[in-house]
C-alpha atoms as a PDB file:
ATOM      1  CA  MET A   1       0.042  -0.015  -0.129  1.00  0.00           C
ATOM      2  CA  MET A   2       2.717   2.943   0.672  1.00  0.00           C
ATOM      3  CA  ILE A   3       4.782   1.226  -2.517  1.00  0.00           C
ATOM      4  CA  ARG A   4       1.327   2.597  -4.243  1.00  0.00           C
ATOM      5  CA  LEU A   5       0.770   5.509  -2.654  1.00  0.00           C
ATOM      6  CA  THR A   6       4.624   6.563  -3.134  1.00  0.00           C
ATOM      7  CA  HIS A   7       4.526   5.340  -6.772  1.00  0.00           C
ATOM      8  CA  LEU A   8       0.676   7.831  -7.588  1.00  0.00           C
ATOM      9  CA  ALA A   9       2.742  11.093  -5.479  1.00  0.00           C
ATOM     10  CA  THR A  10       5.841  10.975  -8.052  1.00  0.00           C
ATOM     11  CA  ILE A  11       3.781  10.206 -10.840  1.00  0.00           C
ATOM     12  CA  SER A  12       1.467  13.581  -9.318  1.00  0.00           C
ATOM     13  CA  LEU A  13       4.626  15.455  -9.227  1.00  0.00           C
ATOM     14  CA  CYS A  14       6.165  14.649 -11.697  1.00  0.00           C
ATOM     15  CA  SER A  15       2.789  15.584 -14.240  1.00  0.00           C
ATOM     16  CA  PHE A  16       2.993  18.920 -12.121  1.00  0.00           C
ATOM     17  CA  SER A  17       6.232  19.646 -13.448  1.00  0.00           C
ATOM     18  CA  ALA A  18       5.812  18.372 -16.653  1.00  0.00           C
ATOM     19  CA  PHE A  19       2.045  20.804 -16.239  1.00  0.00           C
ATOM     20  CA  THR A  20       4.338  23.926 -15.138  1.00  0.00           C
ATOM     21  CA  VAL A  21       7.445  23.828 -17.549  1.00  0.00           C
ATOM     22  CA  GLU A  22       5.312  23.142 -20.500  1.00  0.00           C
ATOM     23  CA  SER A  23       3.490  26.793 -19.363  1.00  0.00           C
ATOM     24  CA  PHE A  24       6.785  28.797 -19.479  1.00  0.00           C
ATOM     25  CA  HIS A  25       7.303  26.482 -22.868  1.00  0.00           C
ATOM     26  CA  VAL A  26       4.355  28.079 -25.171  1.00  0.00           C
ATOM     27  CA  GLY A  27       5.517  31.922 -25.800  1.00  0.00           C
ATOM     28  CA  SER A  28       8.661  30.786 -26.955  1.00  0.00           C
ATOM     29  CA  THR A  29       7.369  27.819 -28.991  1.00  0.00           C
ATOM     30  CA  PHE A  30       5.051  30.277 -30.333  1.00  0.00           C
ATOM     31  CA  ARG A  31       7.519  32.984 -30.712  1.00  0.00           C
ATOM     32  CA  LEU A  32       9.694  30.161 -32.987  1.00  0.00           C
ATOM     33  CA  SER A  33       7.000  28.461 -35.478  1.00  0.00           C
ATOM     34  CA  LYS A  34       5.867  31.998 -35.927  1.00  0.00           C
ATOM     35  CA  GLY A  35       9.673  32.948 -36.820  1.00  0.00           C
ATOM     36  CA  ALA A  36      10.151  29.824 -39.111  1.00  0.00           C
ATOM     37  CA  SER A  37       6.811  30.692 -41.133  1.00  0.00           C
ATOM     38  CA  LEU A  38       6.726  34.284 -41.277  1.00  0.00           C
ATOM     39  CA  TYR A  39      10.610  35.751 -40.931  1.00  0.00           C
ATOM     40  CA  ALA A  40      12.586  33.046 -42.804  1.00  0.00           C
ATOM     41  CA  LYS A  41      13.457  33.171 -45.932  1.00  0.00           C
ATOM     42  CA  SER A  42      14.813  30.375 -47.766  1.00  0.00           C
ATOM     43  CA  PRO A  43      16.927  30.423 -51.097  1.00  0.00           C
ATOM     44  CA  LEU A  44      14.330  29.994 -54.157  1.00  0.00           C
ATOM     45  CA  PRO A  45      15.496  29.877 -57.464  1.00  0.00           C
ATOM     46  CA  ASP A  46      13.988  31.776 -60.366  1.00  0.00           C
ATOM     47  CA  ALA A  47      12.180  29.872 -63.217  1.00  0.00           C
ATOM     48  CA  ALA A  48      14.675  29.359 -65.509  1.00  0.00           C
ATOM     49  CA  SER A  49      17.066  28.083 -63.381  1.00  0.00           C
ATOM     50  CA  LYS A  50      14.797  25.470 -61.254  1.00  0.00           C
ATOM     51  CA  GLU A  51      16.502  21.831 -62.566  1.00  0.00           C
ATOM     52  CA  GLU A  52      20.167  23.431 -62.543  1.00  0.00           C
ATOM     53  CA  THR A  53      19.337  23.982 -58.934  1.00  0.00           C
ATOM     54  CA  ALA A  54      17.987  20.723 -59.042  1.00  0.00           C
ATOM     55  CA  VAL A  55      21.275  19.047 -59.763  1.00  0.00           C
ATOM     56  CA  VAL A  56      23.536  21.471 -57.285  1.00  0.00           C
ATOM     57  CA  GLU A  57      21.434  21.547 -54.693  1.00  0.00           C
ATOM     58  CA  PRO A  58      19.522  17.825 -54.737  1.00  0.00           C
ATOM     59  CA  LYS A  59      18.479  18.103 -50.883  1.00  0.00           C
ATOM     60  CA  LEU A  60      16.852  21.577 -51.699  1.00  0.00           C
ATOM     61  CA  ASP A  61      13.030  20.969 -52.430  1.00  0.00           C
ATOM     62  CA  VAL A  62      11.674  23.512 -53.704  1.00  0.00           C
ATOM     63  CA  THR A  63       7.563  22.716 -54.722  1.00  0.00           C
ATOM     64  CA  PRO A  64       4.848  25.700 -56.203  1.00  0.00           C
ATOM     65  CA  ALA A  65       3.779  25.361 -52.865  1.00  0.00           C
ATOM     66  CA  ALA A  66       6.569  26.058 -51.058  1.00  0.00           C
ATOM     67  CA  GLU A  67       7.602  29.480 -53.618  1.00  0.00           C
ATOM     68  CA  ALA A  68       3.530  30.595 -52.445  1.00  0.00           C
ATOM     69  CA  VAL A  69       4.507  30.019 -48.991  1.00  0.00           C
ATOM     70  CA  SER A  70       7.651  32.191 -49.185  1.00  0.00           C
ATOM     71  CA  THR A  71       6.270  34.836 -51.426  1.00  0.00           C
ATOM     72  CA  ILE A  72       3.652  35.124 -48.758  1.00  0.00           C
ATOM     73  CA  ALA A  73       5.575  34.948 -45.958  1.00  0.00           C
ATOM     74  CA  GLU A  74       7.850  38.184 -47.530  1.00  0.00           C
ATOM     75  CA  ALA A  75       4.592  40.348 -48.426  1.00  0.00           C
ATOM     76  CA  ILE A  76       3.678  39.485 -44.118  1.00  0.00           C
ATOM     77  CA  GLU A  77       6.767  39.839 -42.568  1.00  0.00           C
ATOM     78  CA  ALA A  78       6.560  44.432 -42.874  1.00  0.00           C
ATOM     79  CA  ILE A  79       2.639  43.666 -42.059  1.00  0.00           C
ATOM     80  CA  PRO A  80       2.108  44.711 -38.011  1.00  0.00           C
ATOM     81  CA  GLU A  81      -0.354  42.402 -36.391  1.00  0.00           C
ATOM     82  CA  THR A  82      -3.308  43.558 -34.804  1.00  0.00           C
ATOM     83  CA  MET A  83      -4.464  42.503 -31.409  1.00  0.00           C
ATOM     84  CA  ASP A  84      -7.467  40.858 -30.765  1.00  0.00           C
ATOM     85  CA  GLU A  85     -10.055  42.826 -29.879  1.00  0.00           C
ATOM     86  CA  GLY A  86     -11.092  41.596 -26.091  1.00  0.00           C
ATOM     87  CA  VAL A  87      -7.844  41.353 -24.668  1.00  0.00           C
ATOM     88  CA  PHE A  88      -7.365  45.181 -26.897  1.00  0.00           C
ATOM     89  CA  LYS A  89     -10.507  46.033 -24.983  1.00  0.00           C
ATOM     90  CA  PHE A  90      -9.877  44.638 -21.670  1.00  0.00           C
ATOM     91  CA  ASN A  91      -6.355  45.845 -21.636  1.00  0.00           C
ATOM     92  CA  LYS A  92      -7.761  48.861 -22.444  1.00  0.00           C
ATOM     93  CA  HIS A  93     -10.068  49.654 -19.915  1.00  0.00           C
ATOM     94  CA  LEU A  94      -7.194  48.114 -17.023  1.00  0.00           C
ATOM     95  CA  ILE A  95      -4.754  50.728 -17.799  1.00  0.00           C
ATOM     96  CA  ASP A  96      -7.962  53.806 -18.420  1.00  0.00           C
ATOM     97  CA  THR A  97      -9.284  52.733 -14.721  1.00  0.00           C
ATOM     98  CA  VAL A  98      -6.013  52.887 -13.224  1.00  0.00           C
ATOM     99  CA  TYR A  99      -5.334  56.237 -14.995  1.00  0.00           C
ATOM    100  CA  ASP A 100      -8.023  58.183 -14.035  1.00  0.00           C
ATOM    101  CA  VAL A 101      -7.818  57.137  -9.998  1.00  0.00           C
ATOM    102  CA  ILE A 102      -4.167  58.450  -9.955  1.00  0.00           C
ATOM    103  CA  CYS A 103      -5.503  61.412 -11.266  1.00  0.00           C
ATOM    104  CA  PHE A 104      -8.665  61.317  -9.644  1.00  0.00           C
ATOM    105  CA  LEU A 105      -6.520  61.341  -6.583  1.00  0.00           C
ATOM    106  CA  TYR A 106      -3.604  63.604  -7.364  1.00  0.00           C
ATOM    107  CA  PRO A 107      -5.018  66.232  -9.856  1.00  0.00           C
ATOM    108  CA  VAL A 108      -1.925  68.330 -11.654  1.00  0.00           C
ATOM    109  CA  LYS A 109      -2.106  71.787  -9.459  1.00  0.00           C
ATOM    110  CA  GLY A 110       0.914  73.620 -10.622  1.00  0.00           C
ATOM    111  CA  ASN A 111       2.875  72.786  -7.515  1.00  0.00           C
ATOM    112  CA  GLU A 112       5.327  70.200  -5.493  1.00  0.00           C
ATOM    113  CA  ARG A 113       2.040  68.366  -4.525  1.00  0.00           C
ATOM    114  CA  ASP A 114       2.415  66.890  -8.471  1.00  0.00           C
ATOM    115  CA  PHE A 115       5.501  65.391  -7.544  1.00  0.00           C
ATOM    116  CA  ALA A 116       3.732  62.885  -5.602  1.00  0.00           C
ATOM    117  CA  ARG A 117       1.869  61.648  -8.586  1.00  0.00           C
ATOM    118  CA  PHE A 118       4.373  61.228 -10.593  1.00  0.00           C
ATOM    119  CA  PHE A 119       6.133  59.314  -7.386  1.00  0.00           C
ATOM    120  CA  VAL A 120       2.868  57.351  -7.362  1.00  0.00           C
ATOM    121  CA  LEU A 121       3.291  56.903 -11.567  1.00  0.00           C
ATOM    122  CA  GLU A 122       6.517  55.820 -11.578  1.00  0.00           C
ATOM    123  CA  THR A 123       5.790  52.845  -9.035  1.00  0.00           C
ATOM    124  CA  VAL A 124       3.630  51.510 -10.957  1.00  0.00           C
ATOM    125  CA  ALA A 125       5.200  52.287 -14.210  1.00  0.00           C
ATOM    126  CA  ARG A 126       8.625  50.552 -13.989  1.00  0.00           C
ATOM    127  CA  VAL A 127       7.245  47.121 -12.174  1.00  0.00           C
ATOM    128  CA  PRO A 128       6.190  45.820 -16.029  1.00  0.00           C
ATOM    129  CA  TYR A 129      10.187  45.793 -16.950  1.00  0.00           C
ATOM    130  CA  PHE A 130      11.566  43.505 -13.974  1.00  0.00           C
ATOM    131  CA  ALA A 131       7.929  41.545 -13.902  1.00  0.00           C
ATOM    132  CA  TYR A 132       9.185  40.439 -18.021  1.00  0.00           C
ATOM    133  CA  LEU A 133      13.024  40.442 -17.277  1.00  0.00           C
ATOM    134  CA  SER A 134      11.548  38.096 -14.705  1.00  0.00           C
ATOM    135  CA  CYS A 135      10.295  36.024 -16.840  1.00  0.00           C
ATOM    136  CA  LEU A 136      12.366  35.255 -19.181  1.00  0.00           C
ATOM    137  CA  HIS A 137      14.797  34.529 -16.534  1.00  0.00           C
ATOM    138  CA  LEU A 138      12.569  30.882 -15.745  1.00  0.00           C
ATOM    139  CA  GLN A 139      11.948  30.646 -18.808  1.00  0.00           C
ATOM    140  CA  GLU A 140      15.729  30.389 -19.616  1.00  0.00           C
ATOM    141  CA  THR A 141      16.152  28.445 -16.347  1.00  0.00           C
ATOM    142  CA  PHE A 142      13.753  25.406 -17.384  1.00  0.00           C
ATOM    143  CA  GLY A 143      15.927  25.823 -20.828  1.00  0.00           C
ATOM    144  CA  VAL A 144      14.034  27.778 -23.438  1.00  0.00           C
ATOM    145  CA  ARG A 145      16.480  29.552 -25.390  1.00  0.00           C
ATOM    146  CA  TYR A 146      15.726  31.377 -28.733  1.00  0.00           C
ATOM    147  CA  PRO A 147      17.617  34.395 -31.270  1.00  0.00           C
ATOM    148  CA  ASN A 148      17.941  37.508 -29.284  1.00  0.00           C
ATOM    149  CA  MET A 149      16.689  36.217 -25.968  1.00  0.00           C
ATOM    150  CA  SER A 150      19.791  38.275 -24.017  1.00  0.00           C
ATOM    151  CA  ASP A 151      19.256  41.452 -25.804  1.00  0.00           C
ATOM    152  CA  ARG A 152      15.551  41.630 -24.818  1.00  0.00           C
ATOM    153  CA  MET A 153      16.789  40.512 -20.945  1.00  0.00           C
ATOM    154  CA  ARG A 154      19.004  43.387 -21.233  1.00  0.00           C
ATOM    155  CA  THR A 155      16.679  45.892 -22.862  1.00  0.00           C
ATOM    156  CA  HIS A 156      14.138  45.187 -20.517  1.00  0.00           C
ATOM    157  CA  TYR A 157      16.493  45.332 -17.309  1.00  0.00           C
ATOM    158  CA  ALA A 158      18.105  48.703 -18.769  1.00  0.00           C
ATOM    159  CA  GLU A 159      14.233  49.686 -19.336  1.00  0.00           C
ATOM    160  CA  ALA A 160      14.030  49.009 -15.470  1.00  0.00           C
ATOM    161  CA  ASP A 161      16.999  51.344 -14.586  1.00  0.00           C
ATOM    162  CA  ASN A 162      16.033  53.609 -16.537  1.00  0.00           C
ATOM    163  CA  GLU A 163      12.001  53.983 -14.772  1.00  0.00           C
ATOM    164  CA  LEU A 164      14.106  53.847 -11.164  1.00  0.00           C
ATOM    165  CA  HIS A 165      15.888  56.643 -12.141  1.00  0.00           C
ATOM    166  CA  HIS A 166      12.548  58.400 -13.089  1.00  0.00           C
ATOM    167  CA  LEU A 167      11.392  57.373  -9.649  1.00  0.00           C
ATOM    168  CA  LEU A 168      14.442  58.366  -7.434  1.00  0.00           C
ATOM    169  CA  ILE A 169      14.086  61.587  -9.119  1.00  0.00           C
ATOM    170  CA  GLN A 170      10.257  62.408  -7.956  1.00  0.00           C
ATOM    171  CA  GLU A 171      11.717  61.355  -4.528  1.00  0.00           C
ATOM    172  CA  SER A 172      14.257  63.501  -4.341  1.00  0.00           C
ATOM    173  CA  LEU A 173      11.909  66.161  -5.356  1.00  0.00           C
ATOM    174  CA  GLY A 174       9.775  64.614  -2.584  1.00  0.00           C
ATOM    175  CA  GLY A 175       6.507  62.980  -4.229  1.00  0.00           C
ATOM    176  CA  ASN A 176       7.043  60.286  -2.043  1.00  0.00           C
ATOM    177  CA  SER A 177       7.368  62.467   1.933  1.00  0.00           C
ATOM    178  CA  ASN A 178       4.103  61.161   2.512  1.00  0.00           C
ATOM    179  CA  PRO A 179       3.320  57.559   3.726  1.00  0.00           C
ATOM    180  CA  VAL A 180      -0.107  57.949   2.291  1.00  0.00           C
ATOM    181  CA  ASP A 181       1.102  57.973  -1.481  1.00  0.00           C
ATOM    182  CA  ARG A 182       3.890  55.850  -0.487  1.00  0.00           C
ATOM    183  CA  VAL A 183       1.537  52.510   0.865  1.00  0.00           C
ATOM    184  CA  LEU A 184      -0.744  53.317  -2.021  1.00  0.00           C
ATOM    185  CA  ALA A 185       1.905  53.509  -4.945  1.00  0.00           C
ATOM    186  CA  GLN A 186       3.672  50.107  -3.949  1.00  0.00           C
ATOM    187  CA  THR A 187       0.423  47.854  -2.980  1.00  0.00           C
ATOM    188  CA  MET A 188      -0.775  48.549  -6.319  1.00  0.00           C
ATOM    189  CA  ALA A 189       3.127  48.137  -7.622  1.00  0.00           C
ATOM    190  CA  PHE A 190       2.909  44.686  -5.486  1.00  0.00           C
ATOM    191  CA  PHE A 191      -0.538  43.468  -7.317  1.00  0.00           C
ATOM    192  CA  TYR A 192       0.446  44.437 -10.666  1.00  0.00           C
ATOM    193  CA  TYR A 193       3.863  43.174 -10.543  1.00  0.00           C
ATOM    194  CA  TRP A 194       2.094  39.675 -10.094  1.00  0.00           C
ATOM    195  CA  TYR A 195      -0.706  39.958 -12.860  1.00  0.00           C
ATOM    196  CA  VAL A 196       2.280  41.168 -15.184  1.00  0.00           C
ATOM    197  CA  ILE A 197       4.270  37.428 -14.105  1.00  0.00           C
ATOM    198  CA  ALA A 198       0.215  35.838 -15.112  1.00  0.00           C
ATOM    199  CA  ILE A 199      -0.246  37.941 -17.583  1.00  0.00           C
ATOM    200  CA  TYR A 200       3.368  37.625 -19.814  1.00  0.00           C
ATOM    201  CA  THR A 201       3.125  33.574 -18.815  1.00  0.00           C
ATOM    202  CA  TRP A 202      -0.129  33.244 -20.886  1.00  0.00           C
ATOM    203  CA  ASN A 203       0.501  35.783 -23.681  1.00  0.00           C
ATOM    204  CA  GLU A 204       3.326  37.901 -24.113  1.00  0.00           C
ATOM    205  CA  ALA A 205       2.442  40.920 -26.448  1.00  0.00           C
ATOM    206  CA  ALA A 206      -1.505  40.862 -24.596  1.00  0.00           C
ATOM    207  CA  ALA A 207       1.316  41.826 -21.277  1.00  0.00           C
ATOM    208  CA  TYR A 208       3.372  44.436 -23.640  1.00  0.00           C
ATOM    209  CA  HIS A 209       0.364  46.635 -24.320  1.00  0.00           C
ATOM    210  CA  LEU A 210      -0.211  47.099 -21.215  1.00  0.00           C
ATOM    211  CA  SER A 211       3.178  48.605 -21.310  1.00  0.00           C
ATOM    212  CA  GLU A 212       2.229  50.490 -24.498  1.00  0.00           C
ATOM    213  CA  LEU A 213      -0.486  51.350 -23.269  1.00  0.00           C
ATOM    214  CA  ILE A 214       1.267  52.735 -20.028  1.00  0.00           C
ATOM    215  CA  GLU A 215       4.046  54.442 -21.414  1.00  0.00           C
ATOM    216  CA  ASP A 216       1.517  56.474 -23.796  1.00  0.00           C
ATOM    217  CA  HIS A 217      -0.375  58.035 -20.645  1.00  0.00           C
ATOM    218  CA  ALA A 218       2.740  58.675 -18.962  1.00  0.00           C
ATOM    219  CA  PHE A 219       3.738  61.020 -22.448  1.00  0.00           C
ATOM    220  CA  ASP A 220       0.707  62.824 -22.391  1.00  0.00           C
ATOM    221  CA  THR A 221       0.855  63.423 -19.035  1.00  0.00           C
ATOM    222  CA  TYR A 222       4.503  64.775 -18.806  1.00  0.00           C
ATOM    223  CA  SER A 223       3.496  66.266 -21.850  1.00  0.00           C
ATOM    224  CA  ASN A 224       1.214  68.435 -21.276  1.00  0.00           C
ATOM    225  CA  PHE A 225       2.199  69.291 -17.140  1.00  0.00           C
ATOM    226  CA  LEU A 226       5.879  70.304 -19.785  1.00  0.00           C
ATOM    227  CA  LYS A 227       3.230  72.454 -21.411  1.00  0.00           C
ATOM    228  CA  ASN A 228       1.198  73.834 -18.611  1.00  0.00           C
ATOM    229  CA  HIS A 229       3.264  74.702 -16.242  1.00  0.00           C
ATOM    230  CA  GLU A 230       6.537  75.567 -17.705  1.00  0.00           C
ATOM    231  CA  ASP A 231       7.655  78.492 -15.563  1.00  0.00           C
ATOM    232  CA  PHE A 232       7.461  76.377 -12.704  1.00  0.00           C
ATOM    233  CA  LEU A 233       9.134  73.819 -13.976  1.00  0.00           C
ATOM    234  CA  LYS A 234      12.177  76.714 -15.057  1.00  0.00           C
ATOM    235  CA  SER A 235      12.427  77.527 -11.328  1.00  0.00           C
ATOM    236  CA  LYS A 236      13.311  75.146 -10.463  1.00  0.00           C
ATOM    237  CA  PRO A 237      17.146  73.767  -9.908  1.00  0.00           C
ATOM    238  CA  VAL A 238      18.424  70.616 -11.426  1.00  0.00           C
ATOM    239  CA  PRO A 239      18.553  67.782  -8.889  1.00  0.00           C
ATOM    240  CA  ASP A 240      21.424  65.580  -8.647  1.00  0.00           C
ATOM    241  CA  ILE A 241      20.349  62.086  -9.040  1.00  0.00           C
ATOM    242  CA  ALA A 242      19.453  64.039 -12.543  1.00  0.00           C
ATOM    243  CA  ARG A 243      22.499  65.597 -13.497  1.00  0.00           C
ATOM    244  CA  LYS A 244      24.054  62.390 -12.534  1.00  0.00           C
ATOM    245  CA  TYR A 245      21.689  59.883 -14.984  1.00  0.00           C
ATOM    246  CA  TYR A 246      21.493  62.032 -17.958  1.00  0.00           C
ATOM    247  CA  GLU A 247      25.430  64.022 -17.825  1.00  0.00           C
ATOM    248  CA  GLU A 248      28.077  61.918 -15.576  1.00  0.00           C
ATOM    249  CA  GLU A 249      27.532  58.298 -15.256  1.00  0.00           C
ATOM    250  CA  ASN A 250      28.572  55.617 -18.055  1.00  0.00           C
ATOM    251  CA  PRO A 251      25.735  56.115 -20.963  1.00  0.00           C
ATOM    252  CA  PHE A 252      25.820  52.172 -21.545  1.00  0.00           C
ATOM    253  CA  LEU A 253      22.174  51.577 -19.664  1.00  0.00           C
ATOM    254  CA  PHE A 254      20.782  54.614 -20.870  1.00  0.00           C
ATOM    255  CA  ASP A 255      21.796  53.760 -25.199  1.00  0.00           C
ATOM    256  CA  LEU A 256      20.443  50.297 -24.558  1.00  0.00           C
ATOM    257  CA  TYR A 257      16.902  50.709 -24.112  1.00  0.00           C
ATOM    258  CA  CYS A 258      16.536  53.021 -26.783  1.00  0.00           C
ATOM    259  CA  THR A 259      15.814  50.310 -29.788  1.00  0.00           C
ATOM    260  CA  VAL A 260      13.764  52.002 -32.526  1.00  0.00           C
ATOM    261  CA  LYS A 261      16.950  53.700 -34.974  1.00  0.00           C
ATOM    262  CA  ASP A 262      15.355  56.864 -36.238  1.00  0.00           C
ATOM    263  CA  ASP A 263      17.123  56.368 -39.396  1.00  0.00           C
ATOM    264  CA  PRO A 264      15.364  53.854 -41.418  1.00  0.00           C
ATOM    265  CA  GLU A 265      18.356  53.598 -43.090  1.00  0.00           C
ATOM    266  CA  CYS A 266      21.036  53.129 -40.930  1.00  0.00           C
ATOM    267  CA  PRO A 267      23.162  50.106 -41.459  1.00  0.00           C
ATOM    268  CA  LEU A 268      22.620  47.508 -38.829  1.00  0.00           C
ATOM    269  CA  ASP A 269      26.221  47.784 -37.339  1.00  0.00           C
ATOM    270  CA  GLU A 270      25.906  51.293 -36.398  1.00  0.00           C
ATOM    271  CA  GLN A 271      22.042  51.538 -35.687  1.00  0.00           C
ATOM    272  CA  SER A 272      22.908  52.031 -31.981  1.00  0.00           C
ATOM    273  CA  SER A 273      24.732  54.748 -31.586  1.00  0.00           C
ATOM    274  CA  VAL A 274      21.971  56.522 -34.183  1.00  0.00           C
ATOM    275  CA  CYS A 275      19.270  55.028 -31.574  1.00  0.00           C
ATOM    276  CA  SER A 276      21.778  56.504 -28.713  1.00  0.00           C
ATOM    277  CA  SER A 277      22.761  59.389 -30.217  1.00  0.00           C
ATOM    278  CA  ARG A 278      20.223  62.377 -27.330  1.00  0.00           C
ATOM    279  CA  ARG A 279      22.734  63.379 -25.188  1.00  0.00           C
ATOM    280  CA  PRO A 280      21.113  65.939 -22.392  1.00  0.00           C
ATOM    281  CA  ASN A 281      21.508  69.520 -21.517  1.00  0.00           C
ATOM    282  CA  LEU A 282      19.768  70.280 -18.609  1.00  0.00           C
ATOM    283  CA  GLU A 283      19.992  73.818 -16.858  1.00  0.00           C
ATOM    284  CA  THR A 284      16.838  74.381 -15.251  1.00  0.00           C
ATOM    285  CA  LEU A 285      13.895  70.888 -13.924  1.00  0.00           C
ATOM    286  CA  TYR A 286      12.487  71.701 -17.353  1.00  0.00           C
ATOM    287  CA  ASP A 287      14.983  70.260 -18.639  1.00  0.00           C
ATOM    288  CA  VAL A 288      14.755  67.195 -17.200  1.00  0.00           C
ATOM    289  CA  PHE A 289      10.769  66.644 -17.330  1.00  0.00           C
ATOM    290  CA  VAL A 290      12.263  66.722 -20.449  1.00  0.00           C
ATOM    291  CA  CYS A 291      13.958  64.064 -21.106  1.00  0.00           C
ATOM    292  CA  ILE A 292      11.593  62.165 -18.922  1.00  0.00           C
ATOM    293  CA  ARG A 293       8.972  62.279 -21.911  1.00  0.00           C
ATOM    294  CA  ASP A 294      11.272  60.991 -24.545  1.00  0.00           C
ATOM    295  CA  ASP A 295      11.928  58.538 -22.574  1.00  0.00           C
ATOM    296  CA  GLU A 296       8.300  57.049 -22.301  1.00  0.00           C
ATOM    297  CA  LYS A 297       8.287  57.685 -25.999  1.00  0.00           C
ATOM    298  CA  GLU A 298      11.048  55.609 -25.919  1.00  0.00           C
ATOM    299  CA  HIS A 299       9.491  52.813 -24.135  1.00  0.00           C
ATOM    300  CA  TRP A 300       6.911  53.476 -26.530  1.00  0.00           C
ATOM    301  CA  LYS A 301       8.274  52.234 -29.600  1.00  0.00           C
ATOM    302  CA  THR A 302      10.356  49.329 -28.397  1.00  0.00           C
ATOM    303  CA  LEU A 303       7.229  48.287 -26.698  1.00  0.00           C
ATOM    304  CA  CYS A 304       4.742  48.835 -30.401  1.00  0.00           C
ATOM    305  CA  ASN A 305       7.966  46.597 -31.966  1.00  0.00           C
ATOM    306  CA  LEU A 306       7.122  44.133 -29.571  1.00  0.00           C
ATOM    307  CA  VAL A 307       3.733  43.510 -29.274  1.00  0.00           C
ATOM    308  CA  GLN A 308       3.590  44.329 -33.379  1.00  0.00           C
ATOM    309  CA  PHE A 309       6.136  42.492 -34.645  1.00  0.00           C
ATOM    310  CA  ASN A 310       7.382  40.244 -32.046  1.00  0.00           C
ATOM    311  CA  GLU A 311      10.948  42.141 -32.382  1.00  0.00           C
ATOM    312  CA  MET A 312      12.235  45.355 -30.323  1.00  0.00           C
ATOM    313  CA  ASN A 313      13.627  47.193 -34.243  1.00  0.00           C
ATOM    314  CA  ALA A 314      10.965  45.702 -36.448  1.00  0.00           C
ATOM    315  CA  VAL A 315      10.695  49.306 -37.989  1.00  0.00           C
ATOM    316  CA  SER A 316      12.443  52.229 -37.453  1.00  0.00           C
ATOM    317  CA  ALA A 317      10.783  55.506 -35.312  1.00  0.00           C
ATOM    318  CA  LYS A 318       9.551  57.753 -38.309  1.00  0.00           C
ATOM    319  CA  ASP A 319       6.515  54.298 -38.312  1.00  0.00           C
ATOM    320  CA  VAL A 320       6.000  53.524 -35.699  1.00  0.00           C
ATOM    321  CA  LYS A 321       1.940  53.205 -34.688  1.00  0.00           C
ATOM    322  CA  SER A 322       0.164  52.470 -31.863  1.00  0.00           C
ATOM    323  CA  THR A 323      -1.116  49.110 -31.412  1.00  0.00           C
ATOM    324  CA  VAL A 324      -4.833  48.487 -32.541  1.00  0.00           C
ATOM    325  CA  PRO A 325      -7.691  45.747 -32.305  1.00  0.00           C
ATOM    326  CA  ALA A 326      -8.015  42.892 -34.832  1.00  0.00           C
ATOM    327  CA  PRO A 327     -11.650  44.079 -36.638  1.00  0.00           C
ATOM    328  CA  SER A 328     -14.518  42.109 -35.435  1.00  0.00           C
ATOM    329  CA  GLU A 329     -15.753  38.832 -37.848  1.00  0.00           C
ATOM    330  CA  SER A 330     -19.211  40.582 -37.812  1.00  0.00           C
ATOM    331  CA  ALA A 331     -17.769  43.482 -39.168  1.00  0.00           C
END
């Protein structure tokens, strides 16, 4: 009897372990199959040289069907993917609701109290990047590997570091001085972290779309604040942490999260230098907030590429557009 129970327990444990590992293989398996079907390009011969090719490369089986698939793949390669309408609407409703709650609790007044609002926003906004990184590390632990996985992990770390410095800037301005603000921000961040973990495990594109919406809100928020309170910001000095991050420190991590090139004709070996050519010159707090706003735009461009192409820099900056829902079948 004891042997039988032990045997059953072993089978149950193995089944649970297999299920867990399999769940973290879903995203990568889909990515690899998608890449093979949509992005892989096979060297197909023209009509005049098919027979020669058959002789020279006897292992290459080129059929009309294969040619059609390759042609379709090349046509689809540059077309951004849309998102399931239900997922799109749910994500948008969730992020808009959270944003509206924060706006209600922290109305902009053009004074020091506004920094508490930005403290809360930055505390929540940085959570997804280390949630993505946690999931990718776990996938890697289970043996999942795919091209550019390490690049994606480094980029997410750099994005989290950038958002951390946004947070440190708001803290240096007194944004975290009220314990109520700290508790609210940290509570929201804790639960949002685990929510993003679950969504990323289920559907990576949906998880990236959450941050795309957040960064879009953040860019608009900072743009409006700069426009409406320019004099207030220009009357304030540059925080030491901002000067250290944007002007004094090694710009490696600052450069790393700028993945979407501005010049579409830029050679591949020069793309990183073009992406990160921005070097701020800080004179007042206004310049700091301009940098933060521009950082949010960089994050948004990367996220749009990840949602629509599953690549960090599939299209250049001028071609980046917000993700749209797939048209409903009834339409």
